[in-house]
PDB file of N, CA and C in Angstrom:
ATOM      1  N   MET A   1       0.673  -1.355   0.166  1.00  0.00           N
ATOM      2  CA  MET A   1      -0.108   0.318   0.241  1.00  0.00           C
ATOM      3  C   MET A   1       1.066   1.152  -0.288  1.00  0.00           C
ATOM      4  N   ALA A   2       2.009   1.260   0.197  1.00  0.00           N
ATOM      5  CA  ALA A   2       3.022   2.257   0.543  1.00  0.00           C
ATOM      6  C   ALA A   2       3.437   2.862  -0.626  1.00  0.00           C
ATOM      7  N   SER A   3       3.569   1.739  -1.724  1.00  0.00           N
ATOM      8  CA  SER A   3       3.845   2.454  -3.023  1.00  0.00           C
ATOM      9  C   SER A   3       2.404   3.595  -3.529  1.00  0.00           C
ATOM     10  N   ALA A   4       1.042   2.700  -2.981  1.00  0.00           N
ATOM     11  CA  ALA A   4       0.077   3.832  -3.679  1.00  0.00           C
ATOM     12  C   ALA A   4       0.259   5.016  -2.938  1.00  0.00           C
ATOM     13  N   LEU A   5       0.311   5.627  -2.182  1.00  0.00           N
ATOM     14  CA  LEU A   5       0.079   6.342  -1.425  1.00  0.00           C
ATOM     15  C   LEU A   5       1.280   7.707  -1.921  1.00  0.00           C
ATOM     16  N   GLU A   6       2.893   6.908  -3.111  1.00  0.00           N
ATOM     17  CA  GLU A   6       3.397   8.054  -3.497  1.00  0.00           C
ATOM     18  C   GLU A   6       3.304   9.495  -4.297  1.00  0.00           C
ATOM     19  N   PRO A   7       2.027   9.032  -5.169  1.00  0.00           N
ATOM     20  CA  PRO A   7       1.062   9.849  -6.183  1.00  0.00           C
ATOM     21  C   PRO A   7       0.659  10.994  -4.908  1.00  0.00           C
ATOM     22  N   LEU A   8       0.380  10.357  -4.017  1.00  0.00           N
ATOM     23  CA  LEU A   8      -0.483  11.348  -3.487  1.00  0.00           C
ATOM     24  C   LEU A   8      -0.110  12.588  -2.108  1.00  0.00           C
ATOM     25  N   VAL A   9       1.511  12.199  -2.438  1.00  0.00           N
ATOM     26  CA  VAL A   9       1.978  13.253  -1.317  1.00  0.00           C
ATOM     27  C   VAL A   9       1.815  15.040  -1.687  1.00  0.00           C
ATOM     28  N   ASN A  10       1.924  15.660  -1.023  1.00  0.00           N
ATOM     29  CA  ASN A  10       1.515  17.250  -1.255  1.00  0.00           C
ATOM     30  C   ASN A  10       0.172  17.350  -1.631  1.00  0.00           C
ATOM     31  N   ARG A  11      -0.896  16.353  -1.887  1.00  0.00           N
ATOM     32  CA  ARG A  11      -2.512  16.696  -2.360  1.00  0.00           C
ATOM     33  C   ARG A  11      -3.020  16.153  -0.666  1.00  0.00           C
ATOM     34  N   ILE A  12      -3.865  17.187  -1.491  1.00  0.00           N
ATOM     35  CA  ILE A  12      -5.113  16.701  -0.167  1.00  0.00           C
ATOM     36  C   ILE A  12      -5.895  15.558  -0.342  1.00  0.00           C
ATOM     37  N   VAL A  13      -5.991  15.033   0.963  1.00  0.00           N
ATOM     38  CA  VAL A  13      -7.128  13.344   1.080  1.00  0.00           C
ATOM     39  C   VAL A  13      -7.793  13.449   2.274  1.00  0.00           C
ATOM     40  N   SER A  14      -8.273  12.463   2.564  1.00  0.00           N
ATOM     41  CA  SER A  14      -9.275  11.925   3.668  1.00  0.00           C
ATOM     42  C   SER A  14      -8.849  11.198   4.101  1.00  0.00           C
ATOM     43  N   ILE A  15      -8.505  10.475   5.048  1.00  0.00           N
ATOM     44  CA  ILE A  15      -8.315   9.221   5.587  1.00  0.00           C
ATOM     45  C   ILE A  15      -9.093   8.781   6.851  1.00  0.00           C
ATOM     46  N   VAL A  16     -10.047   7.674   6.805  1.00  0.00           N
ATOM     47  CA  VAL A  16     -11.047   7.229   7.112  1.00  0.00           C
ATOM     48  C   VAL A  16      -9.981   6.269   8.198  1.00  0.00           C
ATOM     49  N   THR A  17     -10.166   6.245   9.910  1.00  0.00           N
ATOM     50  CA  THR A  17      -9.246   5.344  10.812  1.00  0.00           C
ATOM     51  C   THR A  17     -10.446   4.463  11.521  1.00  0.00           C
ATOM     52  N   ALA A  18      -9.238   3.119  11.489  1.00  0.00           N
ATOM     53  CA  ALA A  18     -10.179   2.345  12.294  1.00  0.00           C
ATOM     54  C   ALA A  18     -11.092   2.241  13.579  1.00  0.00           C
ATOM     55  N   ASP A  19     -10.865   3.342  13.933  1.00  0.00           N
ATOM     56  CA  ASP A  19     -11.680   3.490  15.352  1.00  0.00           C
ATOM     57  C   ASP A  19     -12.757   4.535  15.000  1.00  0.00           C
ATOM     58  N   GLY A  20     -13.230   5.020  13.553  1.00  0.00           N
ATOM     59  CA  GLY A  20     -14.014   5.939  13.185  1.00  0.00           C
ATOM     60  C   GLY A  20     -14.337   7.080  12.807  1.00  0.00           C
ATOM     61  N   ARG A  21     -13.311   7.413  12.685  1.00  0.00           N
ATOM     62  CA  ARG A  21     -12.754   9.153  12.568  1.00  0.00           C
ATOM     63  C   ARG A  21     -12.297   9.174  11.520  1.00  0.00           C
ATOM     64  N   MET A  22     -12.784  10.818  10.639  1.00  0.00           N
ATOM     65  CA  MET A  22     -12.281  10.935   9.324  1.00  0.00           C
ATOM     66  C   MET A  22     -11.296  12.222   9.416  1.00  0.00           C
ATOM     67  N   ILE A  23     -10.416  12.397   8.497  1.00  0.00           N
ATOM     68  CA  ILE A  23      -9.248  12.908   8.682  1.00  0.00           C
ATOM     69  C   ILE A  23      -9.317  13.861   7.512  1.00  0.00           C
ATOM     70  N   VAL A  24      -9.123  15.229   7.397  1.00  0.00           N
ATOM     71  CA  VAL A  24      -8.837  15.628   6.023  1.00  0.00           C
ATOM     72  C   VAL A  24      -7.185  16.555   6.423  1.00  0.00           C
ATOM     73  N   GLY A  25      -6.266  16.604   5.539  1.00  0.00           N
ATOM     74  CA  GLY A  25      -5.235  17.349   5.304  1.00  0.00           C
ATOM     75  C   GLY A  25      -4.037  16.933   4.429  1.00  0.00           C
ATOM     76  N   THR A  26      -3.336  17.792   4.233  1.00  0.00           N
ATOM     77  CA  THR A  26      -2.078  17.580   3.259  1.00  0.00           C
ATOM     78  C   THR A  26      -1.117  16.510   3.304  1.00  0.00           C
ATOM     79  N   LEU A  27      -1.522  15.434   2.995  1.00  0.00           N
ATOM     80  CA  LEU A  27      -0.739  14.143   3.326  1.00  0.00           C
ATOM     81  C   LEU A  27       1.385  14.916   2.740  1.00  0.00           C
ATOM     82  N   LYS A  28       1.883  14.815   4.127  1.00  0.00           N
ATOM     83  CA  LYS A  28       3.350  15.002   3.404  1.00  0.00           C
ATOM     84  C   LYS A  28       3.972  14.227   3.517  1.00  0.00           C
ATOM     85  N   GLY A  29       3.724  13.266   4.166  1.00  0.00           N
ATOM     86  CA  GLY A  29       4.792  12.083   4.101  1.00  0.00           C
ATOM     87  C   GLY A  29       4.389  10.432   5.090  1.00  0.00           C
ATOM     88  N   PHE A  30       5.044   9.329   4.769  1.00  0.00           N
ATOM     89  CA  PHE A  30       4.422   8.233   4.875  1.00  0.00           C
ATOM     90  C   PHE A  30       5.484   7.343   4.999  1.00  0.00           C
ATOM     91  N   ASP A  31       5.402   5.845   5.739  1.00  0.00           N
ATOM     92  CA  ASP A  31       6.821   4.913   5.631  1.00  0.00           C
ATOM     93  C   ASP A  31       6.279   3.988   5.550  1.00  0.00           C
ATOM     94  N   GLN A  32       6.914   3.029   5.444  1.00  0.00           N
ATOM     95  CA  GLN A  32       6.609   1.557   4.710  1.00  0.00           C
ATOM     96  C   GLN A  32       5.420   0.414   6.157  1.00  0.00           C
ATOM     97  N   THR A  33       5.166   1.383   6.877  1.00  0.00           N
ATOM     98  CA  THR A  33       4.328   0.659   7.626  1.00  0.00           C
ATOM     99  C   THR A  33       2.914   1.392   7.770  1.00  0.00           C
ATOM    100  N   VAL A  34       2.564   2.185   6.961  1.00  0.00           N
ATOM    101  CA  VAL A  34       1.835   3.658   6.198  1.00  0.00           C
ATOM    102  C   VAL A  34       1.465   4.386   7.724  1.00  0.00           C
ATOM    103  N   ASN A  35       2.280   4.638   8.250  1.00  0.00           N
ATOM    104  CA  ASN A  35       2.468   6.000   9.093  1.00  0.00           C
ATOM    105  C   ASN A  35       2.087   7.290   8.478  1.00  0.00           C
ATOM    106  N   LEU A  36       1.520   8.165   8.725  1.00  0.00           N
ATOM    107  CA  LEU A  36       0.948   9.396   7.961  1.00  0.00           C
ATOM    108  C   LEU A  36       1.021  10.338   8.477  1.00  0.00           C
ATOM    109  N   ILE A  37       1.854  11.236   7.652  1.00  0.00           N
ATOM    110  CA  ILE A  37       1.989  12.487   8.696  1.00  0.00           C
ATOM    111  C   ILE A  37       1.542  13.623   7.676  1.00  0.00           C
ATOM    112  N   LEU A  38       0.343  14.065   8.334  1.00  0.00           N
ATOM    113  CA  LEU A  38      -0.785  15.309   7.867  1.00  0.00           C
ATOM    114  C   LEU A  38      -0.918  16.989   7.985  1.00  0.00           C
ATOM    115  N   ASP A  39      -0.772  17.638   6.912  1.00  0.00           N
ATOM    116  CA  ASP A  39      -0.032  19.121   7.500  1.00  0.00           C
ATOM    117  C   ASP A  39      -1.503  19.486   7.469  1.00  0.00           C
ATOM    118  N   GLU A  40      -1.713  20.496   8.116  1.00  0.00           N
ATOM    119  CA  GLU A  40      -3.318  21.771   7.712  1.00  0.00           C
ATOM    120  C   GLU A  40      -4.204  20.655   7.795  1.00  0.00           C
ATOM    121  N   SER A  41      -4.004  20.061   8.869  1.00  0.00           N
ATOM    122  CA  SER A  41      -5.209  18.797   8.537  1.00  0.00           C
ATOM    123  C   SER A  41      -6.690  19.134  10.257  1.00  0.00           C
ATOM    124  N   HIS A  42      -8.052  18.984   9.713  1.00  0.00           N
ATOM    125  CA  HIS A  42      -8.917  18.842  10.472  1.00  0.00           C
ATOM    126  C   HIS A  42      -9.369  17.414  10.369  1.00  0.00           C
ATOM    127  N   GLU A  43     -10.528  17.418  11.631  1.00  0.00           N
ATOM    128  CA  GLU A  43     -11.211  15.929  11.671  1.00  0.00           C
ATOM    129  C   GLU A  43     -12.662  16.774  11.798  1.00  0.00           C
ATOM    130  N   ARG A  44     -12.863  15.840  10.759  1.00  0.00           N
ATOM    131  CA  ARG A  44     -14.623  15.817  10.288  1.00  0.00           C
ATOM    132  C   ARG A  44     -15.665  14.975  11.604  1.00  0.00           C
ATOM    133  N   VAL A  45     -16.470  15.840  12.210  1.00  0.00           N
ATOM    134  CA  VAL A  45     -16.813  14.722  13.351  1.00  0.00           C
ATOM    135  C   VAL A  45     -18.831  15.402  12.605  1.00  0.00           C
ATOM    136  N   PHE A  46     -19.098  13.906  12.520  1.00  0.00           N
ATOM    137  CA  PHE A  46     -20.458  13.641  12.349  1.00  0.00           C
ATOM    138  C   PHE A  46     -21.414  14.006  13.209  1.00  0.00           C
ATOM    139  N   SER A  47     -22.812  13.872  12.755  1.00  0.00           N
ATOM    140  CA  SER A  47     -23.840  14.340  14.189  1.00  0.00           C
ATOM    141  C   SER A  47     -25.161  13.946  13.389  1.00  0.00           C
ATOM    142  N   SER A  48     -25.951  13.245  13.440  1.00  0.00           N
ATOM    143  CA  SER A  48     -27.694  13.038  13.296  1.00  0.00           C
ATOM    144  C   SER A  48     -28.076  14.480  13.048  1.00  0.00           C
ATOM    145  N   SER A  49     -27.998  14.783  14.284  1.00  0.00           N
ATOM    146  CA  SER A  49     -28.963  16.238  14.681  1.00  0.00           C
ATOM    147  C   SER A  49     -28.056  17.891  14.489  1.00  0.00           C
ATOM    148  N   HIS A  50     -26.776  18.033  14.090  1.00  0.00           N
ATOM    149  CA  HIS A  50     -26.316  18.650  14.056  1.00  0.00           C
ATOM    150  C   HIS A  50     -25.279  18.874  12.709  1.00  0.00           C
ATOM    151  N   GLY A  51     -24.601  19.722  12.316  1.00  0.00           N
ATOM    152  CA  GLY A  51     -23.806  19.915  10.781  1.00  0.00           C
ATOM    153  C   GLY A  51     -22.667  19.484  11.137  1.00  0.00           C
ATOM    154  N   VAL A  52     -22.019  19.132  10.046  1.00  0.00           N
ATOM    155  CA  VAL A  52     -20.428  18.647  10.580  1.00  0.00           C
ATOM    156  C   VAL A  52     -19.765  19.403  11.040  1.00  0.00           C
ATOM    157  N   GLU A  53     -18.782  19.247  12.266  1.00  0.00           N
ATOM    158  CA  GLU A  53     -18.231  20.129  13.182  1.00  0.00           C
ATOM    159  C   GLU A  53     -16.659  19.489  12.686  1.00  0.00           C
ATOM    160  N   GLN A  54     -15.832  20.468  12.084  1.00  0.00           N
ATOM    161  CA  GLN A  54     -14.364  20.626  11.508  1.00  0.00           C
ATOM    162  C   GLN A  54     -13.398  21.197  12.865  1.00  0.00           C
ATOM    163  N   VAL A  55     -12.975  20.249  13.499  1.00  0.00           N
ATOM    164  CA  VAL A  55     -11.679  20.247  14.510  1.00  0.00           C
ATOM    165  C   VAL A  55     -10.472  20.627  14.121  1.00  0.00           C
ATOM    166  N   MET A  56      -9.691  21.249  14.024  1.00  0.00           N
ATOM    167  CA  MET A  56      -8.422  21.570  13.607  1.00  0.00           C
ATOM    168  C   MET A  56      -7.312  20.912  14.149  1.00  0.00           C
ATOM    169  N   LEU A  57      -6.666  20.392  13.575  1.00  0.00           N
ATOM    170  CA  LEU A  57      -5.584  19.524  13.855  1.00  0.00           C
ATOM    171  C   LEU A  57      -4.203  20.199  14.051  1.00  0.00           C
ATOM    172  N   GLY A  58      -4.176  20.624  12.345  1.00  0.00           N
ATOM    173  CA  GLY A  58      -2.739  21.270  12.274  1.00  0.00           C
ATOM    174  C   GLY A  58      -1.676  19.917  11.945  1.00  0.00           C
ATOM    175  N   LEU A  59      -0.491  19.802  12.358  1.00  0.00           N
ATOM    176  CA  LEU A  59       0.241  19.014  11.729  1.00  0.00           C
ATOM    177  C   LEU A  59       0.002  17.804  12.282  1.00  0.00           C
ATOM    178  N   TYR A  60      -0.422  16.491  11.926  1.00  0.00           N
ATOM    179  CA  TYR A  60      -0.736  15.531  12.504  1.00  0.00           C
ATOM    180  C   TYR A  60      -0.391  14.315  12.279  1.00  0.00           C
ATOM    181  N   ILE A  61      -0.144  13.130  13.021  1.00  0.00           N
ATOM    182  CA  ILE A  61       0.829  11.975  12.544  1.00  0.00           C
ATOM    183  C   ILE A  61      -0.623  10.807  12.613  1.00  0.00           C
ATOM    184  N   ILE A  62      -0.824   9.819  12.028  1.00  0.00           N
ATOM    185  CA  ILE A  62      -1.934   8.605  11.883  1.00  0.00           C
ATOM    186  C   ILE A  62      -0.797   7.806  11.839  1.00  0.00           C
ATOM    187  N   ARG A  63      -1.165   6.795  13.165  1.00  0.00           N
ATOM    188  CA  ARG A  63      -0.484   5.444  12.721  1.00  0.00           C
ATOM    189  C   ARG A  63      -0.774   4.076  11.765  1.00  0.00           C
ATOM    190  N   GLY A  64       0.025   4.037  11.240  1.00  0.00           N
ATOM    191  CA  GLY A  64      -0.610   2.669  10.545  1.00  0.00           C
ATOM    192  C   GLY A  64      -1.298   2.181  10.004  1.00  0.00           C
ATOM    193  N   ASP A  65      -1.577   1.133  11.731  1.00  0.00           N
ATOM    194  CA  ASP A  65      -2.700   0.505  11.818  1.00  0.00           C
ATOM    195  C   ASP A  65      -3.900   0.959  12.246  1.00  0.00           C
ATOM    196  N   ASN A  66      -3.895   2.742  12.323  1.00  0.00           N
ATOM    197  CA  ASN A  66      -4.944   2.853  12.731  1.00  0.00           C
ATOM    198  C   ASN A  66      -6.065   3.150  11.550  1.00  0.00           C
ATOM    199  N   VAL A  67      -5.215   3.319  10.375  1.00  0.00           N
ATOM    200  CA  VAL A  67      -5.709   3.778   8.890  1.00  0.00           C
ATOM    201  C   VAL A  67      -6.012   2.600   8.151  1.00  0.00           C
ATOM    202  N   ALA A  68      -7.998   3.094   8.089  1.00  0.00           N
ATOM    203  CA  ALA A  68      -8.510   2.039   7.264  1.00  0.00           C
ATOM    204  C   ALA A  68      -8.682   2.399   6.194  1.00  0.00           C
ATOM    205  N   VAL A  69      -8.892   3.426   5.844  1.00  0.00           N
ATOM    206  CA  VAL A  69      -9.462   3.897   3.898  1.00  0.00           C
ATOM    207  C   VAL A  69      -8.361   5.597   3.264  1.00  0.00           C
ATOM    208  N   VAL A  70      -7.516   5.332   2.602  1.00  0.00           N
ATOM    209  CA  VAL A  70      -6.833   7.068   1.705  1.00  0.00           C
ATOM    210  C   VAL A  70      -7.577   6.872   0.788  1.00  0.00           C
ATOM    211  N   GLY A  71      -7.750   8.392   0.550  1.00  0.00           N
ATOM    212  CA  GLY A  71      -8.135   9.007  -0.562  1.00  0.00           C
ATOM    213  C   GLY A  71      -7.923  10.366  -1.049  1.00  0.00           C
ATOM    214  N   GLU A  72      -7.913  10.494  -2.050  1.00  0.00           N
ATOM    215  CA  GLU A  72      -7.458  11.812  -2.746  1.00  0.00           C
ATOM    216  C   GLU A  72      -8.953  12.906  -2.594  1.00  0.00           C
ATOM    217  N   VAL A  73      -8.541  13.946  -2.033  1.00  0.00           N
ATOM    218  CA  VAL A  73     -10.006  14.471  -1.905  1.00  0.00           C
ATOM    219  C   VAL A  73     -10.143  15.620  -3.545  1.00  0.00           C
ATOM    220  N   ASP A  74     -10.893  15.576  -3.988  1.00  0.00           N
ATOM    221  CA  ASP A  74     -11.172  16.468  -5.242  1.00  0.00           C
ATOM    222  C   ASP A  74     -11.913  18.086  -4.574  1.00  0.00           C
ATOM    223  N   ASP A  75     -10.740  19.272  -4.333  1.00  0.00           N
ATOM    224  CA  ASP A  75     -10.728  20.407  -3.861  1.00  0.00           C
ATOM    225  C   ASP A  75     -11.830  21.123  -4.498  1.00  0.00           C
ATOM    226  N   THR A  76     -12.479  21.111  -5.633  1.00  0.00           N
ATOM    227  CA  THR A  76     -13.913  21.411  -6.246  1.00  0.00           C
ATOM    228  C   THR A  76     -14.922  21.108  -5.528  1.00  0.00           C
ATOM    229  N   THR A  77     -15.234  19.909  -5.288  1.00  0.00           N
ATOM    230  CA  THR A  77     -16.461  19.080  -4.595  1.00  0.00           C
ATOM    231  C   THR A  77     -16.342  19.433  -3.120  1.00  0.00           C
ATOM    232  N   ASP A  78     -15.200  19.014  -2.531  1.00  0.00           N
ATOM    233  CA  ASP A  78     -15.224  19.763  -1.153  1.00  0.00           C
ATOM    234  C   ASP A  78     -15.868  20.693  -0.905  1.00  0.00           C
ATOM    235  N   ALA A  79     -14.999  22.096  -1.932  1.00  0.00           N
ATOM    236  CA  ALA A  79     -15.102  23.119  -1.262  1.00  0.00           C
ATOM    237  C   ALA A  79     -16.906  23.806  -1.242  1.00  0.00           C
ATOM    238  N   ALA A  80     -17.478  22.734  -2.232  1.00  0.00           N
ATOM    239  CA  ALA A  80     -18.802  23.129  -2.269  1.00  0.00           C
ATOM    240  C   ALA A  80     -20.394  22.247  -1.320  1.00  0.00           C
ATOM    241  N   LEU A  81     -19.307  21.582  -0.528  1.00  0.00           N
ATOM    242  CA  LEU A  81     -19.950  21.026   0.372  1.00  0.00           C
ATOM    243  C   LEU A  81     -20.674  21.784   1.337  1.00  0.00           C
ATOM    244  N   ASP A  82     -21.679  21.817   1.512  1.00  0.00           N
ATOM    245  CA  ASP A  82     -22.574  22.372   2.926  1.00  0.00           C
ATOM    246  C   ASP A  82     -22.319  21.924   4.183  1.00  0.00           C
ATOM    247  N   LEU A  83     -21.019  21.853   5.060  1.00  0.00           N
ATOM    248  CA  LEU A  83     -21.455  20.637   5.658  1.00  0.00           C
ATOM    249  C   LEU A  83     -21.468  21.737   6.824  1.00  0.00           C
ATOM    250  N   GLU A  84     -21.983  22.388   7.058  1.00  0.00           N
ATOM    251  CA  GLU A  84     -22.964  23.341   8.327  1.00  0.00           C
ATOM    252  C   GLU A  84     -24.037  22.810   8.149  1.00  0.00           C
ATOM    253  N   ASN A  85     -25.056  22.152   7.251  1.00  0.00           N
ATOM    254  CA  ASN A  85     -26.251  21.419   6.668  1.00  0.00           C
ATOM    255  C   ASN A  85     -26.344  20.442   6.636  1.00  0.00           C
ATOM    256  N   MET A  86     -25.334  19.356   6.874  1.00  0.00           N
ATOM    257  CA  MET A  86     -25.236  18.146   6.870  1.00  0.00           C
ATOM    258  C   MET A  86     -24.894  17.209   7.433  1.00  0.00           C
ATOM    259  N   LYS A  87     -25.778  16.599   7.481  1.00  0.00           N
ATOM    260  CA  LYS A  87     -26.331  15.163   8.643  1.00  0.00           C
ATOM    261  C   LYS A  87     -25.821  13.980   8.845  1.00  0.00           C
ATOM    262  N   ALA A  88     -25.376  13.622   9.370  1.00  0.00           N
ATOM    263  CA  ALA A  88     -25.223  12.341   9.469  1.00  0.00           C
ATOM    264  C   ALA A  88     -24.888  11.660  10.697  1.00  0.00           C
ATOM    265  N   ALA A  89     -24.953  10.174  10.519  1.00  0.00           N
ATOM    266  CA  ALA A  89     -24.609   9.461  11.459  1.00  0.00           C
ATOM    267  C   ALA A  89     -22.834   9.025  11.978  1.00  0.00           C
ATOM    268  N   PRO A  90     -22.423   9.145  13.061  1.00  0.00           N
ATOM    269  CA  PRO A  90     -21.133   9.222  13.001  1.00  0.00           C
ATOM    270  C   PRO A  90     -20.946   7.872  12.605  1.00  0.00           C
ATOM    271  N   LEU A  91     -19.622   7.573  12.298  1.00  0.00           N
ATOM    272  CA  LEU A  91     -18.263   6.755  11.757  1.00  0.00           C
ATOM    273  C   LEU A  91     -18.946   5.867  12.637  1.00  0.00           C
ATOM    274  N   ASN A  92     -19.074   4.459  12.536  1.00  0.00           N
ATOM    275  CA  ASN A  92     -18.759   3.069  13.609  1.00  0.00           C
ATOM    276  C   ASN A  92     -17.238   2.608  13.737  1.00  0.00           C
ATOM    277  N   PRO A  93     -16.617   2.477  14.346  1.00  0.00           N
ATOM    278  CA  PRO A  93     -15.411   2.092  14.269  1.00  0.00           C
ATOM    279  C   PRO A  93     -15.047   0.354  13.704  1.00  0.00           C
ATOM    280  N   VAL A  94     -13.768   0.220  12.758  1.00  0.00           N
ATOM    281  CA  VAL A  94     -13.819  -0.841  12.356  1.00  0.00           C
ATOM    282  C   VAL A  94     -14.226  -2.338  13.260  1.00  0.00           C
ATOM    283  N   LEU A  95     -14.724  -3.641  13.674  1.00  0.00           N
ATOM    284  CA  LEU A  95     -14.460  -4.471  14.352  1.00  0.00           C
ATOM    285  C   LEU A  95     -13.992  -5.385  13.309  1.00  0.00           C
ATOM    286  N   HIS A  96     -12.543  -6.319  14.222  1.00  0.00           N
ATOM    287  CA  HIS A  96     -11.964  -7.377  13.953  1.00  0.00           C
ATOM    288  C   HIS A  96     -12.347  -8.386  13.992  1.00  0.00           C
TER     289      HIS A  96
END
């Protein structure tokens, strides 16, 4: 998987973690165990009753064993999202 991350360096990515968090930021680096370094990152916290809350994290490291999904974010589509009015159930943790 590490080689698949190379084209995403210095691009905005969305990470879904095994504990059910969604973190968006600029991928600055990674290693062979898929530990990820994100810059200018924030967590998107979903709620069924309120809009999506964005918690600023800044420079952030995610352990590779906690990474479930990595995907590139389309800037145009992401900027058009109305996160304040978007309601969704919180993500559940991955069960092993």
